[in-house]
Amino acid sequence: MIGRLGTLLVAVCAMVSLGAAGTAKPPAEPATLWHGGTIITMEGNKPATVQAVVERGGKIVFAGSLAKARKLAGPSATDRDLKGQTMLPGFIDAHSHFSMLMQIETGVDLDAGDAPPRDIPALIAQLRQGVAAKGIGEAEWIIGWNYKDEPLAEKRHVTRDDLDAAFPGRKVVLIHFTGHGLVASSAALAAAGVKDDAPNPPGGLFLRDGKGRVNGVVFEAALMPFYQALPRPTAAQMLSALDATQLGYASRGYTHAQDGATQIGEMKFLLSPAARERMKIDLAILPSFGGLDALLAMPDLKFGQYQGHTKLQGVKFVLDGSPQARTAYFTRDYANGSPEGHHPWHGQPIVSQEEFNKQARLVHERGWQLFVHANGDAAIDMAIKGFDALGIKAADNRRPVVIHSQFQRPDHLPAYARIGVGPAYFSNHTLYFADIHRSNFPAEVVAFISPFKAAMKAGLHPSNHSDAPVTRLDPFVQLWSSMARASLSGVINGPDQRLSAYEGLQMLTTGPAWQVFEENRKGRIKAGLLADFVILDRNPLTTPVDGIRSIRVVETVKEGRTIWKRS
């Protein structure tokens, strides 16, 4: 009896012991202690710094005094001395074209920076060099990206005749740097099914030669046959381009990117297990409204939820084109007329108000976020009318985003506030395109593009973006252009809308975080948020305006792990 009781007690004790071991807290993950530099938290509307930050398990567990940080981190913590450098939350891309940048990796990039080809022969020579370097075969398409017509001495677009003479019988397309146009050779026109007498589709333009024949220059809705005809890169090419593209973002301090107008094929690739496994930064995908029927037929799509580092954020509508290409939609006429020189011309919408309202309702009723490209003031009017037709109010917290919002009028701002719109501004316009805009519109109209100060005064949550590849992915050019608002010729456009360095940094961190419902996840250095950091070689808050563009990223950290470091 005693023996059996003793055996039973031993068994019970063993079970209790096992149970205690099973419920005991696992050992804490190792911590990393960041200190020894200027740590700007981006908390609040005035600059705030802390002495130290503790990261554990990919999240910030403390931001404050060094003494308390050392105690919380523990003796086994990894010590990261910043050695006087500056740490900020990782930059958040408010709008760019991730998949387009991937495609550039597989084509010929014609972006020559500050020294673009000055005439058509030089451009053709650059294209020839790219074709040779890429080893593009005779039977393959030649796809040139970032084609720019403005610097050309001929003061005209390249045409099919130019491409046919240089590449006889070959399928060649030059994608305009705005993404709103292209130039096609005769073989490419034929492959896309575009005939010499093709009519302009609603919202699109075919430019024509003196005989009325399509001359190869194509804008807006007329692009669709080409995008359907262009060959898709192989899976291996796409994966390689994915690695190179996200490395480009990480090397510039971005821990969050956006693909702002994703086609269905690219969406499926980016959501595939193979692509998700390779993602190191977060990526917000905005499928294009052109594929809305297909999207609505996919019941398993989950918007607003991360799958690894990737999520479907919302649907992207495009209401008009590009003001620098003279395809944006205005209530006033362009002084220089249409892209082919016709007067009067104030642009045209890509879709009708009725069609936008109808399609936006389908998206809104699914609970998906609305992103709307609108550059000209008439297109912005369309966006506001569409949101009002849906009955969206700021209190609903639906946060529709109007991308670019370039040529806003002051009366648009209270409407944005009433609806709860987040304007994704584009301060690089004041640098690269304001001189062009002033040739078309009054100076006071150009001065109000990207009106950051006015938007902040109206209680909005603006952001700032590069629209890459339209302009290069460089947060310091964005920051500088929001502070200086100077054009290439040195003209200051809207000095009353210039930002301080801190306000400019808000447009790269807290503003875009709010616009994608992630203000409690990223954009600040605060306990509980992701440990997404960028380390800079100097402090933007103490750097003179003229030196902002020279700031360099030293290291980029995503959820506590270094994903890029300057060698």
Protein backbone atom coordinates (compact mmCIF):
# COMPACT_ATOMS: atom_id res chain seq x y z
CA MET A 1 0.00 0.00 0.00
CA ILE A 2 2.69 2.45 0.99
CA GLY A 3 4.75 1.33 -1.95
CA ARG A 4 1.86 1.93 -4.37
CA LEU A 5 1.11 5.29 -2.74
CA GLY A 6 4.75 6.27 -2.97
CA THR A 7 4.84 5.36 -6.65
CA LEU A 8 1.69 7.39 -7.26
CA LEU A 9 3.12 10.41 -5.46
CA VAL A 10 6.30 10.20 -7.52
CA ALA A 11 4.21 10.07 -10.72
CA VAL A 12 2.08 13.04 -9.65
CA CYS A 13 5.16 15.05 -8.72
CA ALA A 14 6.68 14.24 -12.10
CA MET A 15 3.51 15.38 -13.86
CA VAL A 16 3.44 18.59 -11.84
CA SER A 17 7.09 19.14 -12.67
CA LEU A 18 6.48 18.58 -16.37
CA GLY A 19 3.45 20.85 -16.26
CA ALA A 20 5.45 23.61 -14.59
CA ALA A 21 8.17 23.29 -17.20
CA GLY A 22 5.56 23.41 -19.98
CA THR A 23 4.01 26.65 -18.73
CA ALA A 24 7.22 28.42 -17.79
CA LYS A 25 7.99 31.56 -19.77
CA PRO A 26 10.48 30.97 -22.59
CA PRO A 27 13.75 32.84 -22.29
CA ALA A 28 13.53 36.39 -23.60
CA GLU A 29 14.88 36.97 -27.08
CA PRO A 30 18.22 38.75 -27.18
CA ALA A 31 17.92 42.52 -27.27
CA THR A 32 19.78 45.16 -29.25
CA LEU A 33 20.70 48.46 -27.64
CA TRP A 34 21.02 51.48 -29.96
CA HIS A 35 22.71 54.57 -28.56
CA GLY A 36 25.54 57.04 -29.04
CA GLY A 37 23.99 59.24 -31.71
CA THR A 38 21.05 61.51 -32.43
CA ILE A 39 17.87 59.43 -32.34
CA ILE A 40 14.94 61.40 -33.78
CA THR A 41 11.67 59.72 -32.81
CA MET A 42 9.26 61.66 -35.09
CA GLU A 43 6.86 61.76 -32.15
CA GLY A 44 4.69 64.89 -32.19
CA ASN A 45 4.86 68.04 -34.28
CA LYS A 46 8.15 69.25 -32.83
CA PRO A 47 11.51 67.46 -32.98
CA ALA A 48 12.07 65.03 -30.12
CA THR A 49 15.08 62.84 -29.43
CA VAL A 50 15.95 60.02 -27.04
CA GLN A 51 19.31 58.76 -25.81
CA ALA A 52 18.71 55.09 -26.55
CA VAL A 53 16.40 52.49 -28.07
CA VAL A 54 15.99 48.84 -27.14
CA GLU A 55 14.83 46.36 -29.79
CA ARG A 56 13.71 42.83 -29.08
CA GLY A 57 11.97 40.39 -31.41
CA GLY A 58 11.72 42.91 -34.21
CA LYS A 59 9.90 45.52 -32.14
CA ILE A 60 10.89 48.56 -30.13
CA VAL A 61 10.49 47.79 -26.43
CA PHE A 62 11.91 51.06 -25.08
CA ALA A 63 12.94 54.51 -26.23
CA GLY A 64 14.31 56.87 -23.63
CA SER A 65 17.28 57.34 -21.32
CA LEU A 66 20.45 55.35 -21.81
CA ALA A 67 20.58 54.25 -18.18
CA LYS A 68 17.12 52.71 -18.27
CA ALA A 69 17.74 51.26 -21.72
CA ARG A 70 20.87 49.43 -20.51
CA LYS A 71 18.94 47.96 -17.61
CA LEU A 72 16.06 46.77 -19.80
CA ALA A 73 18.35 45.41 -22.52
CA GLY A 74 20.34 43.32 -20.09
CA PRO A 75 24.04 42.38 -20.08
CA SER A 76 23.71 40.01 -23.06
CA ALA A 77 22.28 42.66 -25.41
CA THR A 78 23.99 43.46 -28.69
CA ASP A 79 25.50 46.91 -28.32
CA ARG A 80 25.06 49.22 -31.33
CA ASP A 81 26.96 52.46 -30.84
CA LEU A 82 25.84 54.94 -33.50
CA LYS A 83 29.11 56.87 -33.10
CA GLY A 84 27.48 60.22 -33.61
CA GLN A 85 25.34 59.25 -36.57
CA THR A 86 21.60 59.96 -36.77
CA MET A 87 18.84 57.37 -36.51
CA LEU A 88 15.26 57.86 -37.73
CA PRO A 89 12.28 55.60 -38.35
CA GLY A 90 12.64 53.81 -41.69
CA PHE A 91 11.35 55.86 -44.60
CA ILE A 92 7.90 54.97 -45.95
CA ASP A 93 7.32 55.26 -49.66
CA ALA A 94 4.03 57.11 -50.15
CA HIS A 95 3.81 56.34 -53.86
CA SER A 96 6.03 54.76 -56.50
CA HIS A 97 5.85 51.92 -58.99
CA PHE A 98 7.70 48.91 -57.60
CA SER A 99 6.75 46.52 -60.41
CA MET A 100 7.66 49.09 -63.08
CA LEU A 101 11.09 49.44 -61.49
CA MET A 102 11.34 45.65 -61.66
CA GLN A 103 10.55 45.73 -65.37
CA ILE A 104 13.21 48.38 -65.96
CA GLU A 105 15.69 45.87 -64.57
CA THR A 106 14.78 43.53 -67.43
CA GLY A 107 14.77 46.20 -70.19
CA VAL A 108 16.98 49.11 -71.27
CA ASP A 109 17.06 52.03 -68.84
CA LEU A 110 17.41 55.34 -70.70
CA ASP A 111 17.68 57.39 -67.52
CA ALA A 112 20.96 59.27 -67.86
CA GLY A 113 20.49 61.39 -64.75
CA ASP A 114 21.50 65.01 -65.10
CA ALA A 115 23.06 64.47 -68.55
CA PRO A 116 20.24 63.11 -70.76
CA PRO A 117 20.71 62.70 -74.53
CA ARG A 118 20.38 66.12 -76.15
CA ASP A 119 19.13 64.98 -79.55
CA ILE A 120 17.48 61.99 -81.21
CA PRO A 121 20.70 60.49 -82.65
CA ALA A 122 22.24 60.50 -79.16
CA LEU A 123 19.13 58.84 -77.74
CA ILE A 124 19.20 56.17 -80.44
CA ALA A 125 22.91 55.58 -79.73
CA GLN A 126 22.15 55.12 -76.04
CA LEU A 127 19.40 52.64 -76.90
CA ARG A 128 21.77 50.70 -79.19
CA GLN A 129 24.32 50.45 -76.39
CA GLY A 130 21.66 49.15 -74.01
CA VAL A 131 20.48 46.53 -76.49
CA ALA A 132 24.05 45.29 -76.93
CA ALA A 133 24.72 45.27 -73.20
CA LYS A 134 21.55 43.29 -72.50
CA GLY A 135 22.17 40.91 -75.39
CA ILE A 136 18.68 41.43 -76.80
CA GLY A 137 18.22 39.18 -79.83
CA GLU A 138 16.89 40.19 -83.26
CA ALA A 139 13.52 38.52 -82.66
CA GLU A 140 13.03 40.00 -79.20
CA TRP A 141 11.23 43.19 -78.24
CA ILE A 142 13.39 46.21 -77.41
CA ILE A 143 11.83 48.00 -74.45
CA GLY A 144 13.42 51.28 -73.44
CA TRP A 145 12.35 52.89 -70.18
CA ASN A 146 12.52 56.50 -68.98
CA TYR A 147 12.38 58.05 -72.45
CA LYS A 148 12.38 61.87 -72.18
CA ASP A 149 11.44 64.15 -75.05
CA GLU A 150 11.89 67.53 -73.31
CA PRO A 151 15.74 67.73 -73.55
CA LEU A 152 15.85 66.83 -77.25
CA ALA A 153 17.19 69.58 -79.55
CA GLU A 154 14.61 68.65 -82.21
CA LYS A 155 11.86 69.79 -79.80
CA ARG A 156 9.65 66.89 -80.79
CA HIS A 157 9.03 63.29 -79.87
CA VAL A 158 10.89 60.39 -81.37
CA THR A 159 8.56 58.76 -83.92
CA ARG A 160 8.05 55.38 -85.53
CA ASP A 161 10.09 56.60 -88.51
CA ASP A 162 13.09 57.28 -86.27
CA LEU A 163 12.83 53.83 -84.66
CA ASP A 164 12.25 52.06 -88.00
CA ALA A 165 15.36 53.66 -89.50
CA ALA A 166 17.51 52.66 -86.52
CA PHE A 167 16.04 49.17 -85.95
CA PRO A 168 14.50 48.01 -89.25
CA GLY A 169 11.67 45.52 -88.83
CA ARG A 170 12.12 45.26 -85.07
CA LYS A 171 9.52 45.66 -82.35
CA VAL A 172 10.67 48.69 -80.32
CA VAL A 173 8.86 50.70 -77.66
CA LEU A 174 10.17 53.62 -75.62
CA ILE A 175 8.20 54.05 -72.41
CA HIS A 176 7.80 57.74 -71.55
CA PHE A 177 9.29 58.60 -68.16
CA THR A 178 5.84 59.71 -66.90
CA GLY A 179 4.42 56.24 -67.51
CA HIS A 180 1.59 57.93 -69.39
CA GLY A 181 2.92 57.47 -72.92
CA LEU A 182 5.23 55.59 -75.26
CA VAL A 183 6.70 55.60 -78.75
CA ALA A 184 6.33 52.47 -80.89
CA SER A 185 8.02 51.31 -84.07
CA SER A 186 5.93 50.11 -87.02
CA ALA A 187 6.51 46.46 -86.04
CA ALA A 188 5.43 47.20 -82.45
CA LEU A 189 2.31 49.02 -83.68
CA ALA A 190 1.43 46.00 -85.80
CA ALA A 191 2.04 43.60 -82.90
CA ALA A 192 -0.33 45.68 -80.76
CA GLY A 193 -2.96 45.66 -83.53
CA VAL A 194 -2.81 49.45 -84.02
CA LYS A 195 -3.48 50.48 -87.62
CA ASP A 196 -2.36 53.66 -89.35
CA ASP A 197 -5.86 55.13 -89.18
CA ALA A 198 -6.68 53.98 -85.63
CA PRO A 199 -9.16 56.38 -83.96
CA ASN A 200 -8.40 57.91 -80.57
CA PRO A 201 -10.04 55.81 -77.84
CA PRO A 202 -11.94 57.60 -75.06
CA GLY A 203 -9.32 59.09 -72.75
CA GLY A 204 -6.44 58.29 -75.10
CA LEU A 205 -4.38 59.88 -77.88
CA PHE A 206 -2.53 58.67 -80.96
CA LEU A 207 -0.36 61.46 -82.35
CA ARG A 208 -0.25 61.64 -86.15
CA ASP A 209 2.05 62.73 -88.94
CA GLY A 210 1.26 65.25 -91.70
CA LYS A 211 -0.75 62.65 -93.61
CA GLY A 212 -2.92 61.76 -90.62
CA ARG A 213 -1.13 58.45 -90.04
CA VAL A 214 -0.45 57.26 -86.49
CA ASN A 215 3.17 58.34 -85.93
CA GLY A 216 3.96 55.95 -83.07
CA VAL A 217 3.51 58.39 -80.16
CA VAL A 218 0.79 57.14 -77.83
CA PHE A 219 -0.76 58.53 -74.63
CA GLU A 220 -3.05 57.39 -71.82
CA ALA A 221 -5.91 54.98 -72.64
CA ALA A 222 -4.39 54.30 -76.08
CA LEU A 223 -1.55 52.46 -74.28
CA MET A 224 -3.65 49.42 -73.41
CA PRO A 225 -3.04 47.39 -76.62
CA PHE A 226 0.70 47.72 -76.10
CA TYR A 227 0.66 46.63 -72.47
CA GLN A 228 -1.29 43.57 -73.57
CA ALA A 229 1.17 42.84 -76.40
CA LEU A 230 4.44 43.37 -74.54
CA PRO A 231 6.17 40.14 -73.47
CA ARG A 232 6.31 39.32 -69.79
CA PRO A 233 9.69 38.58 -68.17
CA THR A 234 10.31 34.99 -67.10
CA ALA A 235 9.81 33.91 -63.48
CA ALA A 236 13.58 33.79 -62.98
CA GLN A 237 13.97 37.30 -64.40
CA MET A 238 11.17 38.56 -62.14
CA LEU A 239 12.74 37.06 -59.01
CA SER A 240 16.12 38.52 -59.87
CA ALA A 241 14.51 41.90 -60.55
CA LEU A 242 12.61 41.65 -57.25
CA ASP A 243 15.87 41.30 -55.34
CA ALA A 244 17.51 44.20 -57.17
CA THR A 245 14.49 46.48 -56.82
CA GLN A 246 13.97 46.04 -53.10
CA LEU A 247 17.70 46.47 -52.57
CA GLY A 248 17.33 49.83 -54.33
CA TYR A 249 14.68 50.87 -51.81
CA ALA A 250 16.62 49.58 -48.81
CA SER A 251 19.82 51.35 -49.91
CA ARG A 252 17.89 54.62 -49.78
CA GLY A 253 16.51 54.02 -46.31
CA TYR A 254 13.06 52.73 -47.21
CA THR A 255 11.61 49.91 -45.14
CA HIS A 256 8.18 50.18 -46.79
CA ALA A 257 7.50 50.48 -50.54
CA GLN A 258 4.41 50.82 -52.70
CA ASP A 259 3.44 49.42 -56.07
CA GLY A 260 1.05 52.09 -57.23
CA ALA A 261 -0.97 50.60 -60.15
CA THR A 262 -0.29 46.88 -60.22
CA GLN A 263 -1.48 44.82 -63.17
CA ILE A 264 -3.10 41.46 -62.40
CA GLY A 265 -0.09 39.45 -63.59
CA GLU A 266 2.32 41.44 -61.43
CA MET A 267 -0.07 41.22 -58.47
CA LYS A 268 -0.17 37.44 -58.69
CA PHE A 269 3.62 37.30 -58.88
CA LEU A 270 4.14 39.61 -55.89
CA LEU A 271 1.67 37.57 -53.82
CA SER A 272 3.22 34.25 -54.84
CA PRO A 273 5.05 32.19 -52.19
CA ALA A 274 8.32 32.48 -54.13
CA ALA A 275 8.15 36.29 -54.15
CA ARG A 276 6.92 36.59 -50.54
CA GLU A 277 9.82 34.45 -49.31
CA ARG A 278 12.30 36.96 -50.75
CA MET A 279 10.69 40.15 -49.49
CA LYS A 280 12.76 41.93 -46.87
CA ILE A 281 10.88 45.24 -46.86
CA ASP A 282 7.14 45.77 -46.57
CA LEU A 283 5.28 46.25 -49.85
CA ALA A 284 1.81 47.75 -50.26
CA ILE A 285 0.18 46.71 -53.54
CA LEU A 286 -2.43 48.88 -55.28
CA PRO A 287 -4.05 46.83 -58.07
CA SER A 288 -5.09 48.95 -61.04
CA PHE A 289 -8.77 49.71 -61.61
CA GLY A 290 -8.29 48.35 -65.14
CA GLY A 291 -8.38 44.86 -63.65
CA LEU A 292 -11.33 45.51 -61.34
CA ASP A 293 -13.59 42.85 -62.85
CA ALA A 294 -10.89 40.24 -62.29
CA LEU A 295 -10.31 41.47 -58.73
CA LEU A 296 -14.00 41.27 -57.88
CA ALA A 297 -14.05 37.70 -59.18
CA MET A 298 -11.33 36.62 -56.72
CA PRO A 299 -13.15 35.83 -53.45
CA ASP A 300 -10.02 34.93 -51.50
CA LEU A 301 -8.25 38.30 -51.85
CA LYS A 302 -7.50 39.87 -48.48
CA PHE A 303 -6.99 43.62 -48.51
CA GLY A 304 -5.30 45.41 -45.63
CA GLN A 305 -3.66 42.24 -44.24
CA TYR A 306 0.01 41.39 -44.54
CA GLN A 307 1.06 38.07 -46.00
CA GLY A 308 4.64 38.06 -44.80
CA HIS A 309 5.91 41.48 -45.88
CA THR A 310 3.33 41.98 -48.63
CA LYS A 311 -0.25 43.25 -48.53
CA LEU A 312 -2.99 44.41 -50.85
CA GLN A 313 -3.63 47.98 -49.70
CA GLY A 314 -6.36 49.31 -51.99
CA VAL A 315 -7.39 49.87 -55.60
CA LYS A 316 -5.74 52.56 -57.76
CA PHE A 317 -7.89 54.67 -60.09
CA VAL A 318 -6.42 57.00 -62.70
CA LEU A 319 -8.57 60.01 -63.58
CA ASP A 320 -6.15 61.97 -65.76
CA GLY A 321 -2.64 62.01 -67.12
CA SER A 322 0.57 63.97 -66.65
CA PRO A 323 0.75 67.79 -66.56
CA GLN A 324 4.30 67.80 -67.95
CA ALA A 325 3.10 65.64 -70.87
CA ARG A 326 0.02 67.93 -71.22
CA THR A 327 -2.44 65.08 -70.66
CA ALA A 328 -3.64 66.09 -67.17
CA TYR A 329 -7.22 67.40 -66.94
CA PHE A 330 -7.69 71.10 -66.09
CA THR A 331 -10.43 73.70 -65.91
CA ARG A 332 -8.10 76.07 -67.81
CA ASP A 333 -6.30 75.66 -71.12
CA TYR A 334 -2.65 74.78 -71.63
CA ALA A 335 -0.87 77.74 -73.19
CA ASN A 336 1.13 75.32 -75.35
CA GLY A 337 -1.92 73.37 -76.45
CA SER A 338 -2.28 69.60 -76.70
CA PRO A 339 0.67 67.17 -77.00
CA GLU A 340 0.43 67.68 -80.78
CA GLY A 341 -0.01 71.46 -80.52
CA HIS A 342 -3.76 71.81 -80.98
CA HIS A 343 -5.64 74.69 -79.34
CA PRO A 344 -7.67 75.08 -77.21
CA TRP A 345 -6.74 72.17 -74.96
CA HIS A 346 -7.29 71.64 -71.25
CA GLY A 347 -6.69 67.89 -71.22
CA GLN A 348 -9.31 65.21 -70.81
CA PRO A 349 -10.32 62.67 -68.20
CA ILE A 350 -9.31 59.05 -68.69
CA VAL A 351 -12.70 57.87 -67.42
CA SER A 352 -16.03 59.68 -67.15
CA GLN A 353 -17.40 60.89 -63.84
CA GLU A 354 -20.22 58.37 -64.14
CA GLU A 355 -17.84 55.47 -64.73
CA PHE A 356 -15.54 56.50 -61.90
CA ASN A 357 -18.47 56.80 -59.48
CA LYS A 358 -19.74 53.37 -60.52
CA GLN A 359 -16.44 51.57 -60.19
CA ALA A 360 -15.42 53.39 -57.00
CA ARG A 361 -18.67 52.27 -55.41
CA LEU A 362 -17.85 48.63 -56.12
CA VAL A 363 -14.49 49.05 -54.39
CA HIS A 364 -15.87 51.09 -51.49
CA GLU A 365 -18.64 48.59 -50.77
CA ARG A 366 -16.05 45.82 -50.47
CA GLY A 367 -14.34 47.85 -47.76
CA TRP A 368 -11.23 48.33 -49.92
CA GLN A 369 -9.31 51.59 -49.71
CA LEU A 370 -9.57 54.05 -52.61
CA PHE A 371 -6.43 55.52 -54.19
CA VAL A 372 -7.04 58.03 -56.96
CA HIS A 373 -4.49 59.57 -59.35
CA ALA A 374 -5.53 63.17 -60.04
CA ASN A 375 -3.11 65.87 -61.23
CA GLY A 376 -5.15 68.66 -62.84
CA ASP A 377 -7.70 70.66 -60.87
CA ALA A 378 -10.59 69.28 -62.98
CA ALA A 379 -9.49 65.72 -62.16
CA ILE A 380 -9.35 66.63 -58.46
CA ASP A 381 -12.90 67.97 -58.82
CA MET A 382 -13.86 64.54 -60.19
CA ALA A 383 -12.28 62.75 -57.23
CA ILE A 384 -14.14 64.94 -54.73
CA LYS A 385 -17.46 64.46 -56.56
CA GLY A 386 -16.89 60.70 -56.56
CA PHE A 387 -16.15 60.57 -52.83
CA ASP A 388 -19.20 62.74 -52.11
CA ALA A 389 -21.36 60.43 -54.23
CA LEU A 390 -20.25 57.60 -51.93
CA GLY A 391 -21.09 59.68 -48.87
CA ILE A 392 -17.57 59.40 -47.42
CA LYS A 393 -16.95 61.59 -44.36
CA ALA A 394 -13.78 62.05 -42.33
CA ALA A 395 -15.50 60.44 -39.35
CA ASP A 396 -15.88 57.23 -41.39
CA ASN A 397 -12.06 56.83 -41.31
CA ARG A 398 -11.93 55.42 -44.85
CA ARG A 399 -8.91 57.59 -45.72
CA PRO A 400 -9.13 57.82 -49.51
CA VAL A 401 -5.80 58.96 -50.93
CA VAL A 402 -5.53 61.36 -53.87
CA ILE A 403 -2.14 60.65 -55.42
CA HIS A 404 -0.24 63.71 -56.67
CA SER A 405 -3.04 66.24 -56.04
CA GLN A 406 -0.67 68.54 -57.90
CA PHE A 407 -2.74 71.43 -59.19
CA GLN A 408 -5.02 71.84 -56.24
CA ARG A 409 -7.05 74.96 -55.78
CA PRO A 410 -7.41 76.37 -52.26
CA ASP A 411 -11.11 75.42 -52.26
CA HIS A 412 -10.17 71.74 -52.55
CA LEU A 413 -8.58 71.66 -49.09
CA PRO A 414 -11.75 72.03 -46.98
CA ALA A 415 -13.35 69.34 -49.16
CA TYR A 416 -10.41 67.03 -48.45
CA ALA A 417 -10.78 67.74 -44.72
CA ARG A 418 -14.53 67.05 -44.81
CA ILE A 419 -14.01 63.72 -46.59
CA GLY A 420 -10.83 62.69 -44.75
CA VAL A 421 -8.60 62.57 -47.83
CA GLY A 422 -4.88 62.00 -47.44
CA PRO A 423 -3.09 63.96 -50.18
CA ALA A 424 0.03 62.18 -51.46
CA TYR A 425 2.00 65.16 -52.75
CA PHE A 426 4.95 65.21 -55.12
CA SER A 427 7.40 67.99 -54.25
CA ASN A 428 9.85 66.88 -56.92
CA HIS A 429 7.46 68.52 -59.38
CA THR A 430 8.72 71.90 -58.17
CA LEU A 431 12.26 70.83 -59.05
CA TYR A 432 11.93 68.93 -62.31
CA PHE A 433 8.76 70.25 -63.92
CA ALA A 434 7.83 73.68 -62.55
CA ASP A 435 9.66 75.42 -65.40
CA ILE A 436 7.53 73.45 -67.88
CA HIS A 437 4.37 74.20 -65.92
CA ARG A 438 5.06 77.94 -65.90
CA SER A 439 5.12 77.86 -69.70
CA ASN A 440 1.53 76.62 -69.59
CA PHE A 441 -0.06 78.17 -66.52
CA PRO A 442 0.12 81.39 -64.46
CA ALA A 443 2.90 81.57 -61.86
CA GLU A 444 0.40 81.75 -58.98
CA VAL A 445 -1.16 78.46 -60.11
CA VAL A 446 2.22 76.72 -60.27
CA ALA A 447 3.14 78.16 -56.87
CA PHE A 448 0.35 76.15 -55.24
CA ILE A 449 1.41 72.70 -56.46
CA SER A 450 2.00 70.31 -53.54
CA PRO A 451 0.67 72.85 -50.99
CA PHE A 452 2.06 71.14 -47.89
CA LYS A 453 1.71 74.07 -45.52
CA ALA A 454 -1.85 74.83 -46.54
CA ALA A 455 -2.79 71.15 -46.22
CA MET A 456 -1.30 70.91 -42.73
CA LYS A 457 -3.13 74.07 -41.70
CA ALA A 458 -6.36 72.46 -42.96
CA GLY A 459 -5.75 69.50 -40.62
CA LEU A 460 -4.83 67.01 -43.33
CA HIS A 461 -2.20 64.23 -43.21
CA PRO A 462 -0.11 64.81 -46.34
CA SER A 463 2.81 62.72 -47.55
CA ASN A 464 5.58 63.18 -50.12
CA HIS A 465 6.60 60.72 -52.82
CA SER A 466 9.01 60.23 -55.70
CA ASP A 467 6.63 58.49 -58.12
CA ALA A 468 9.73 56.49 -59.15
CA PRO A 469 10.66 55.90 -61.90
CA VAL A 470 9.09 59.24 -62.93
CA THR A 471 11.72 60.83 -60.69
CA ARG A 472 14.54 58.94 -59.04
CA LEU A 473 14.00 57.17 -55.77
CA ASP A 474 15.86 59.51 -53.41
CA PRO A 475 14.32 60.66 -50.11
CA PHE A 476 16.83 63.48 -49.76
CA VAL A 477 15.89 65.04 -53.08
CA GLN A 478 12.27 64.79 -51.94
CA LEU A 479 13.15 66.37 -48.60
CA TRP A 480 15.19 69.13 -50.23
CA SER A 481 12.54 69.93 -52.84
CA SER A 482 9.87 70.23 -50.13
CA MET A 483 12.13 72.67 -48.24
CA ALA A 484 13.52 74.69 -51.18
CA ARG A 485 10.73 74.46 -53.80
CA ALA A 486 13.27 75.56 -56.42
CA SER A 487 13.04 74.59 -60.08
CA LEU A 488 15.90 73.50 -62.31
CA SER A 489 16.29 77.14 -63.41
CA GLY A 490 16.39 78.30 -59.78
CA VAL A 491 12.90 79.83 -59.61
CA ILE A 492 11.24 79.47 -56.20
CA ASN A 493 7.66 78.23 -56.58
CA GLY A 494 5.39 78.94 -53.63
CA PRO A 495 7.82 80.03 -50.92
CA ASP A 496 4.93 80.11 -48.43
CA GLN A 497 4.53 76.33 -48.88
CA ARG A 498 8.17 75.48 -47.99
CA LEU A 499 8.67 73.05 -45.13
CA SER A 500 11.17 72.86 -42.31
CA ALA A 501 13.43 69.80 -42.25
CA TYR A 502 11.31 68.21 -39.52
CA GLU A 503 8.07 68.82 -41.40
CA GLY A 504 9.69 67.41 -44.53
CA LEU A 505 10.67 64.27 -42.61
CA GLN A 506 7.08 63.91 -41.42
CA MET A 507 6.08 63.62 -45.06
CA LEU A 508 8.42 60.61 -45.38
CA THR A 509 7.44 58.86 -42.13
CA THR A 510 4.32 59.71 -40.14
CA GLY A 511 2.29 61.10 -43.05
CA PRO A 512 2.53 58.04 -45.32
CA ALA A 513 2.10 55.71 -42.31
CA TRP A 514 -1.26 57.36 -41.55
CA GLN A 515 -2.39 57.12 -45.15
CA VAL A 516 -2.05 53.32 -45.13
CA PHE A 517 -3.49 52.82 -41.61
CA GLU A 518 -0.09 51.94 -40.12
CA GLU A 519 0.50 54.90 -37.79
CA ASN A 520 0.46 52.50 -34.83
CA ARG A 521 2.90 50.13 -36.50
CA LYS A 522 5.60 52.25 -38.11
CA GLY A 523 6.73 55.80 -38.88
CA ARG A 524 7.90 56.62 -35.36
CA ILE A 525 10.41 55.35 -32.83
CA LYS A 526 8.16 54.34 -29.96
CA ALA A 527 7.71 51.29 -27.76
CA GLY A 528 5.42 48.75 -29.40
CA LEU A 529 6.17 49.78 -32.99
CA LEU A 530 8.29 47.89 -35.49
CA ALA A 531 12.04 48.33 -35.16
CA ASP A 532 12.37 49.84 -38.64
CA PHE A 533 15.27 52.30 -38.71
CA VAL A 534 17.42 54.26 -41.11
CA ILE A 535 20.86 55.49 -40.01
CA LEU A 536 22.23 58.61 -41.70
CA ASP A 537 25.71 60.08 -41.86
CA ARG A 538 24.41 63.42 -40.59
CA ASN A 539 21.42 65.03 -38.92
CA PRO A 540 18.90 66.52 -41.38
CA LEU A 541 17.64 68.90 -38.68
CA THR A 542 21.01 70.63 -38.39
CA THR A 543 22.12 70.33 -42.03
CA PRO A 544 21.82 73.53 -44.11
CA VAL A 545 19.19 73.32 -46.85
CA ASP A 546 21.86 73.28 -49.57
CA GLY A 547 23.44 70.20 -47.96
CA ILE A 548 20.29 68.09 -47.60
CA ARG A 549 20.76 66.30 -50.93
CA SER A 550 24.25 65.20 -49.85
CA ILE A 551 23.04 63.22 -46.83
CA ARG A 552 23.79 59.52 -47.19
CA VAL A 553 22.19 56.39 -45.79
CA VAL A 554 24.64 54.36 -43.72
CA GLU A 555 22.39 51.44 -42.77
CA THR A 556 18.79 50.30 -43.08
CA VAL A 557 17.22 48.08 -40.42
CA LYS A 558 13.93 46.19 -40.86
CA GLU A 559 12.36 44.75 -37.74
CA GLY A 560 15.69 44.74 -35.94
CA ARG A 561 17.71 43.17 -38.76
CA THR A 562 20.13 45.00 -41.03
CA ILE A 563 18.94 44.64 -44.62
CA TRP A 564 21.42 47.06 -46.19
CA LYS A 565 24.68 48.61 -45.04
CA ARG A 566 27.06 50.95 -46.81
CA SER A 567 30.39 49.21 -47.33
